[in-house]
Amino acid sequence: MNYEALLDAEVLAFVDKMNALYTEPAVGQPMAERRALYKRMCRAFEVEPPAGVRARTFSLATANGALPVRTYRHAAATASLPTVLYFHGGGFTLGDLDSHGDFCAELCALTRYTVASVAYRLAPEHHHPAAFNDAIAAFEWLAGTAEGPIILAGDSAGGNLAASIALHVRDHARPPAGLVLVYPLLGGDPTQGSYLHHAHAPLLSTQDVADCLASLTGGAYDSQDIRCTPLAAIDYTDFPETFIATAECDPLSSDGKTFCERVLSARGKATCFNEPGLVHGYLRARHMSARAMQAFRRVVDCVVAIGTRAMLLPATEWKGSRLDQRQ
């Protein structure tokens, strides 16, 4: 694949910067050193926190110990507005409250919605289903405290968690009103589609995806376990309204398309937009690439649209299929 032709100068510059800061030096390094390099990379892309957003960090007491959470709240927010429960990417082995903090703060500033970010347990120290259990605990906490609708969201591995949670809590007393995924890893067939066409894409390869799942599960990946393979699910009825953003030059782009088709086939409401000329991880490029900023704004607009529609309905009717019947 000729990525020099598919990617514009700004995106190519982003790829070069990422490779210089993390991808190439991290190969073969021990996990502690990989995490240190990853933190350095994240800091290199950080932007100034937006005005009017206040961050608060605390821990939730769960059956598996303390779970770090950081909430971002805008000065103009009201309790009845939606809350976005956000799960960060990082291949299940990297990332924390800081790694995606500037994105969460910016999402809060542009939507006026509260954003709650979760530092779920990472592999290889904590294998599946540790991250899933932490994500469920975070949802239960928010379902018991938030006044407004809840929107599940996440990027990459975090998108996997958000989708898995959405599949498991459809019959909850406080079901999520929406699901927003950015280049999610959903457990698609690695022998087809984008896994083949973009097997050696910049910043993420098909082998990288397999390595992430192996790390998550300690080498015992079960492709039929919907707690780590959302696309293994058979039933998508009563699913929340879903928006998925994928990147054209990413082995995971087929996952988003397939998941969207599954929700639509169950008469749910879903949209998938494959961002042309972008690569996995493009959210970090939003302030150095016009294409990435446009894609980021599309995510923001969809979060607002889902939240706005949800606020027009009773809490018992936030599920996607029922939402469709009202439109």
Protein backbone atom coordinates (compact mmCIF):
# COMPACT_ATOMS: atom_id res chain seq x y z
CA MET A 1 0.00 0.00 0.00
CA ASN A 2 1.38 3.39 -1.02
CA TYR A 3 0.74 5.45 2.11
CA GLU A 4 2.83 8.31 0.76
CA ALA A 5 0.02 8.83 -1.75
CA LEU A 6 -2.89 8.21 0.63
CA LEU A 7 -1.74 10.52 3.42
CA ASP A 8 -1.26 14.27 3.12
CA ALA A 9 1.80 16.13 4.37
CA GLU A 10 0.27 16.94 7.77
CA VAL A 11 -0.68 13.34 8.50
CA LEU A 12 2.70 12.07 7.30
CA ALA A 13 4.35 14.56 9.66
CA PHE A 14 2.20 13.20 12.49
CA VAL A 15 3.24 9.63 11.65
CA ASP A 16 6.91 10.62 11.62
CA LYS A 17 6.57 12.36 14.98
CA MET A 18 4.81 9.37 16.51
CA ASN A 19 7.45 6.98 15.22
CA ALA A 20 10.22 9.15 16.57
CA LEU A 21 8.60 9.47 19.99
CA TYR A 22 7.24 6.00 20.57
CA THR A 23 6.64 3.34 17.92
CA GLU A 24 10.17 2.48 16.82
CA PRO A 25 12.01 2.94 20.16
CA ALA A 26 9.38 0.88 21.99
CA VAL A 27 9.80 -2.29 19.97
CA GLY A 28 11.20 -5.03 22.18
CA GLN A 29 11.40 -2.85 25.30
CA PRO A 30 10.21 -4.10 28.72
CA MET A 31 6.70 -2.92 29.61
CA ALA A 32 7.89 -0.37 32.18
CA GLU A 33 10.09 1.29 29.56
CA ARG A 34 7.35 1.15 26.93
CA ARG A 35 5.01 2.92 29.32
CA ALA A 36 7.60 5.58 30.06
CA LEU A 37 8.07 6.19 26.32
CA TYR A 38 4.30 6.25 25.82
CA LYS A 39 3.91 8.87 28.55
CA ARG A 40 6.62 10.96 26.89
CA MET A 41 4.81 10.69 23.56
CA CYS A 42 1.48 11.70 25.11
CA ARG A 43 3.04 14.75 26.73
CA ALA A 44 4.54 15.80 23.39
CA PHE A 45 1.05 16.06 21.87
CA GLU A 46 -0.69 17.66 24.85
CA VAL A 47 -2.42 21.00 24.37
CA GLU A 48 -3.28 23.65 26.93
CA PRO A 49 -6.40 22.79 28.97
CA PRO A 50 -9.46 24.67 27.72
CA ALA A 51 -10.91 27.49 29.77
CA GLY A 52 -13.92 26.75 31.91
CA VAL A 53 -13.19 23.04 32.45
CA ARG A 54 -12.43 21.75 35.92
CA ALA A 55 -10.89 18.32 36.43
CA ARG A 56 -11.33 16.25 39.59
CA THR A 57 -9.47 13.00 40.27
CA PHE A 58 -10.64 10.43 42.80
CA SER A 59 -10.97 6.67 43.33
CA LEU A 60 -14.00 4.43 43.28
CA ALA A 61 -14.12 1.60 45.78
CA THR A 62 -14.85 -1.61 43.84
CA ALA A 63 -14.78 -5.32 44.55
CA ASN A 64 -11.37 -5.39 42.85
CA GLY A 65 -9.84 -2.44 44.69
CA ALA A 66 -9.62 1.30 44.09
CA LEU A 67 -10.46 2.41 40.54
CA PRO A 68 -9.00 5.82 39.53
CA VAL A 69 -11.47 8.16 37.83
CA ARG A 70 -11.14 11.71 36.57
CA THR A 71 -14.16 13.86 35.80
CA TYR A 72 -14.12 16.93 33.58
CA ARG A 73 -16.93 19.39 34.18
CA HIS A 74 -17.62 22.66 32.40
CA ALA A 75 -18.52 25.77 34.37
CA ALA A 76 -21.70 26.12 32.29
CA ALA A 77 -22.81 22.50 32.79
CA THR A 78 -26.00 21.48 34.58
CA ALA A 79 -26.69 18.17 36.31
CA SER A 80 -29.32 17.18 33.74
CA LEU A 81 -26.86 17.23 30.83
CA PRO A 82 -25.42 13.93 29.60
CA THR A 83 -22.23 12.40 30.99
CA VAL A 84 -19.71 10.72 28.69
CA LEU A 85 -18.07 7.67 30.27
CA TYR A 86 -14.74 7.45 28.45
CA PHE A 87 -12.33 4.52 28.15
CA HIS A 88 -8.85 5.32 26.84
CA GLY A 89 -6.91 3.46 24.19
CA GLY A 90 -3.43 1.97 24.49
CA GLY A 91 -3.73 -1.65 23.43
CA PHE A 92 -4.90 -2.74 26.91
CA THR A 93 -1.31 -2.33 28.16
CA LEU A 94 -0.75 1.44 28.00
CA GLY A 95 -2.52 4.63 29.02
CA ASP A 96 -3.98 6.19 32.13
CA LEU A 97 -5.90 9.26 33.24
CA ASP A 98 -3.19 11.54 31.86
CA SER A 99 -2.64 9.91 28.47
CA HIS A 100 -6.01 11.03 27.08
CA GLY A 101 -6.67 13.86 29.50
CA ASP A 102 -6.37 16.74 27.04
CA PHE A 103 -8.79 15.01 24.65
CA CYS A 104 -11.34 14.46 27.44
CA ALA A 105 -11.01 18.07 28.57
CA GLU A 106 -11.52 19.34 25.03
CA LEU A 107 -14.50 17.05 24.53
CA CYS A 108 -16.00 18.47 27.72
CA ALA A 109 -15.34 22.06 26.62
CA LEU A 110 -16.94 21.63 23.20
CA THR A 111 -19.99 19.63 24.32
CA ARG A 112 -20.53 21.12 27.80
CA TYR A 113 -21.14 17.51 28.88
CA THR A 114 -19.34 16.05 31.87
CA VAL A 115 -16.69 13.50 30.85
CA ALA A 116 -15.66 10.73 33.25
CA SER A 117 -12.41 8.96 32.32
CA VAL A 118 -11.49 5.60 33.86
CA ALA A 119 -8.00 4.19 34.51
CA TYR A 120 -8.93 0.51 34.19
CA ARG A 121 -6.39 -2.17 35.09
CA LEU A 122 -3.83 -2.95 32.39
CA ALA A 123 -2.29 -6.12 31.04
CA PRO A 124 -0.04 -8.00 31.36
CA GLU A 125 -0.23 -7.48 35.13
CA HIS A 126 -4.02 -7.87 34.99
CA HIS A 127 -5.44 -10.17 32.35
CA HIS A 128 -8.97 -10.26 30.97
CA PRO A 129 -11.59 -9.80 32.36
CA ALA A 130 -9.97 -7.28 34.74
CA ALA A 131 -10.39 -4.27 32.43
CA PHE A 132 -13.95 -5.32 31.57
CA ASN A 133 -14.85 -5.69 35.25
CA ASP A 134 -13.45 -2.23 35.97
CA ALA A 135 -15.47 -0.78 33.10
CA ILE A 136 -18.66 -2.40 34.42
CA ALA A 137 -17.94 -1.02 37.89
CA ALA A 138 -17.49 2.47 36.44
CA PHE A 139 -20.78 2.21 34.56
CA GLU A 140 -22.64 1.02 37.67
CA TRP A 141 -21.22 3.95 39.63
CA LEU A 142 -22.30 6.45 37.00
CA ALA A 143 -25.72 4.83 36.52
CA GLY A 144 -26.28 5.31 40.24
CA THR A 145 -25.12 8.93 40.40
CA ALA A 146 -25.65 10.71 37.06
CA GLU A 147 -28.92 12.60 36.62
CA GLY A 148 -28.75 12.90 32.84
CA PRO A 149 -28.22 10.37 30.04
CA ILE A 150 -25.01 8.34 29.88
CA ILE A 151 -23.01 8.06 26.66
CA LEU A 152 -20.38 5.33 26.49
CA ALA A 153 -17.27 6.23 24.51
CA GLY A 154 -13.73 5.09 23.86
CA ASP A 155 -10.93 4.91 21.34
CA SER A 156 -9.08 1.81 20.12
CA ALA A 157 -8.89 -0.66 23.06
CA GLY A 158 -11.13 1.71 25.00
CA GLY A 159 -13.67 1.41 22.20
CA ASN A 160 -13.59 -2.35 22.74
CA LEU A 161 -14.49 -1.82 26.40
CA ALA A 162 -17.25 0.69 25.63
CA ALA A 163 -18.83 -1.63 23.06
CA SER A 164 -18.57 -4.65 25.38
CA ILE A 165 -20.23 -2.72 28.20
CA ALA A 166 -23.01 -1.54 25.88
CA LEU A 167 -23.75 -5.16 24.96
CA HIS A 168 -23.94 -6.18 28.61
CA VAL A 169 -26.08 -3.39 30.08
CA ARG A 170 -28.90 -3.06 27.55
CA ASP A 171 -31.42 -4.27 30.14
CA HIS A 172 -30.04 -2.12 32.94
CA ALA A 173 -32.42 0.14 34.84
CA ARG A 174 -30.34 3.05 33.48
CA PRO A 175 -29.30 1.88 30.00
CA PRO A 176 -26.79 4.04 28.13
CA ALA A 177 -28.30 6.52 25.70
CA GLY A 178 -25.52 6.23 23.18
CA LEU A 179 -22.22 4.70 22.13
CA VAL A 180 -19.40 6.62 20.43
CA LEU A 181 -16.36 4.68 19.25
CA VAL A 182 -13.20 5.98 17.60
CA TYR A 183 -11.14 3.48 15.56
CA PRO A 184 -12.28 0.66 17.90
CA LEU A 185 -10.76 -2.80 18.21
CA LEU A 186 -13.85 -5.04 18.13
CA GLY A 187 -12.45 -8.49 17.32
CA GLY A 188 -13.08 -8.77 13.59
CA ASP A 189 -11.79 -11.53 11.31
CA PRO A 190 -8.02 -10.90 10.92
CA THR A 191 -8.00 -12.70 7.55
CA GLN A 192 -10.38 -10.34 5.78
CA GLY A 193 -11.04 -6.72 4.84
CA SER A 194 -8.87 -3.97 6.29
CA TYR A 195 -6.87 -6.51 8.30
CA LEU A 196 -5.46 -7.60 4.94
CA HIS A 197 -5.58 -4.35 2.96
CA HIS A 198 -3.90 -2.35 5.72
CA ALA A 199 -1.94 -5.11 7.45
CA HIS A 200 1.15 -2.89 7.56
CA ALA A 201 -0.48 0.49 8.04
CA PRO A 202 1.42 3.30 9.77
CA LEU A 203 1.21 3.24 13.60
CA LEU A 204 -0.80 -0.01 13.81
CA SER A 205 -0.40 -3.32 11.99
CA THR A 206 -2.52 -6.45 11.96
CA GLN A 207 0.21 -8.16 13.98
CA ASP A 208 0.05 -5.33 16.53
CA VAL A 209 -3.66 -6.03 16.97
CA ALA A 210 -3.02 -9.72 17.57
CA ASP A 211 -0.30 -8.83 20.08
CA CYS A 212 -2.71 -6.55 21.97
CA LEU A 213 -5.31 -9.29 22.29
CA ALA A 214 -2.65 -11.80 23.35
CA SER A 215 -1.42 -9.41 26.04
CA LEU A 216 -4.96 -8.77 27.23
CA THR A 217 -5.74 -12.45 27.65
CA GLY A 218 -2.33 -13.84 28.53
CA GLY A 219 -2.19 -15.68 25.22
CA ALA A 220 -5.59 -17.31 25.75
CA TYR A 221 -7.70 -15.05 23.50
CA ASP A 222 -11.24 -16.37 23.05
CA SER A 223 -12.78 -14.99 19.87
CA GLN A 224 -16.26 -15.95 21.13
CA ASP A 225 -16.07 -14.05 24.43
CA ILE A 226 -18.10 -10.88 23.84
CA ARG A 227 -16.45 -9.28 26.90
CA CYS A 228 -13.34 -8.84 24.75
CA THR A 229 -14.75 -9.59 21.28
CA PRO A 230 -17.89 -7.46 20.80
CA LEU A 231 -18.30 -8.69 17.22
CA ALA A 232 -18.86 -12.21 18.59
CA ALA A 233 -22.28 -11.07 19.85
CA ILE A 234 -25.29 -12.47 18.02
CA ASP A 235 -28.06 -10.28 19.44
CA TYR A 236 -27.89 -6.50 18.96
CA THR A 237 -31.52 -5.70 19.75
CA ASP A 238 -32.33 -2.74 22.02
CA PHE A 239 -28.88 -1.32 21.34
CA PRO A 240 -28.13 2.34 22.11
CA GLU A 241 -27.71 4.83 19.30
CA THR A 242 -24.21 4.28 17.93
CA PHE A 243 -21.64 6.36 16.07
CA ILE A 244 -18.34 4.85 14.97
CA ALA A 245 -15.42 6.76 13.47
CA THR A 246 -12.75 4.70 11.73
CA ALA A 247 -9.58 5.62 9.84
CA GLU A 248 -9.07 4.67 6.22
CA CYS A 249 -5.46 3.53 6.75
CA ASP A 250 -6.02 1.28 9.73
CA PRO A 251 -6.38 -2.51 9.97
CA LEU A 252 -9.31 -1.93 12.35
CA SER A 253 -11.50 0.02 9.92
CA SER A 254 -13.51 -3.08 8.95
CA ASP A 255 -14.42 -3.69 12.60
CA GLY A 256 -16.34 -0.44 12.84
CA LYS A 257 -18.21 -1.01 9.58
CA THR A 258 -19.20 -4.56 10.54
CA PHE A 259 -20.36 -3.53 14.01
CA CYS A 260 -22.46 -0.72 12.55
CA GLU A 261 -24.09 -3.14 10.11
CA ARG A 262 -24.95 -5.51 12.98
CA VAL A 263 -26.71 -2.73 14.92
CA LEU A 264 -28.61 -1.61 11.82
CA SER A 265 -29.67 -5.18 11.01
CA ALA A 266 -31.26 -5.32 14.48
CA ARG A 267 -33.24 -2.16 13.60
CA GLY A 268 -31.06 0.03 15.75
CA LYS A 269 -29.69 3.46 14.91
CA ALA A 270 -26.03 3.47 13.88
CA THR A 271 -23.61 5.43 11.72
CA CYS A 272 -20.05 4.59 10.72
CA PHE A 273 -17.79 7.17 9.08
CA ASN A 274 -14.48 6.00 7.65
CA GLU A 275 -12.22 9.05 7.77
CA PRO A 276 -10.27 9.30 4.48
CA GLY A 277 -6.52 9.76 4.60
CA LEU A 278 -6.22 9.19 8.33
CA VAL A 279 -4.42 6.59 10.45
CA HIS A 280 -4.98 4.88 13.76
CA GLY A 281 -4.48 7.31 16.64
CA TYR A 282 -5.47 10.40 14.66
CA LEU A 283 -7.09 12.07 17.67
CA ARG A 284 -3.59 13.06 18.76
CA ALA A 285 -3.07 14.76 15.42
CA ARG A 286 -6.08 17.05 15.71
CA HIS A 287 -4.00 20.16 16.37
CA MET A 288 -1.47 19.49 13.62
CA SER A 289 -3.71 18.08 10.87
CA ALA A 290 -6.78 19.72 9.32
CA ARG A 291 -8.16 16.29 8.42
CA ALA A 292 -7.76 15.04 11.98
CA MET A 293 -9.38 18.16 13.42
CA GLN A 294 -12.33 17.74 11.06
CA ALA A 295 -12.67 14.12 12.18
CA PHE A 296 -12.47 15.15 15.84
CA ARG A 297 -15.18 17.77 15.30
CA ARG A 298 -17.35 15.09 13.72
CA VAL A 299 -17.00 13.00 16.87
CA VAL A 300 -17.91 16.01 19.02
CA ASP A 301 -20.96 16.78 16.86
CA CYS A 302 -22.18 13.19 17.11
CA VAL A 303 -21.78 13.15 20.91
CA VAL A 304 -23.86 16.33 21.10
CA ALA A 305 -26.49 14.97 18.69
CA ILE A 306 -26.89 11.72 20.63
CA GLY A 307 -27.08 13.58 23.93
CA THR A 308 -29.58 16.12 22.61
CA ARG A 309 -31.91 13.42 21.28
CA ALA A 310 -31.63 11.43 24.50
CA MET A 311 -32.61 14.42 26.64
CA LEU A 312 -35.90 14.66 24.74
CA LEU A 313 -36.95 11.18 25.89
CA PRO A 314 -37.80 9.58 29.25
CA ALA A 315 -34.88 7.65 30.74
CA THR A 316 -36.70 4.37 30.11
CA GLU A 317 -36.66 5.06 26.37
CA TRP A 318 -32.94 5.77 25.81
CA LYS A 319 -32.34 2.48 24.02
CA GLY A 320 -31.60 2.83 20.32
CA SER A 321 -34.52 0.85 18.91
CA ARG A 322 -37.05 2.82 20.92
CA LEU A 323 -35.34 6.06 20.01
CA ASP A 324 -35.79 5.17 16.37
CA GLN A 325 -39.53 4.73 16.81
CA ARG A 326 -39.84 8.31 18.04
CA GLN A 327 -38.02 9.86 15.10
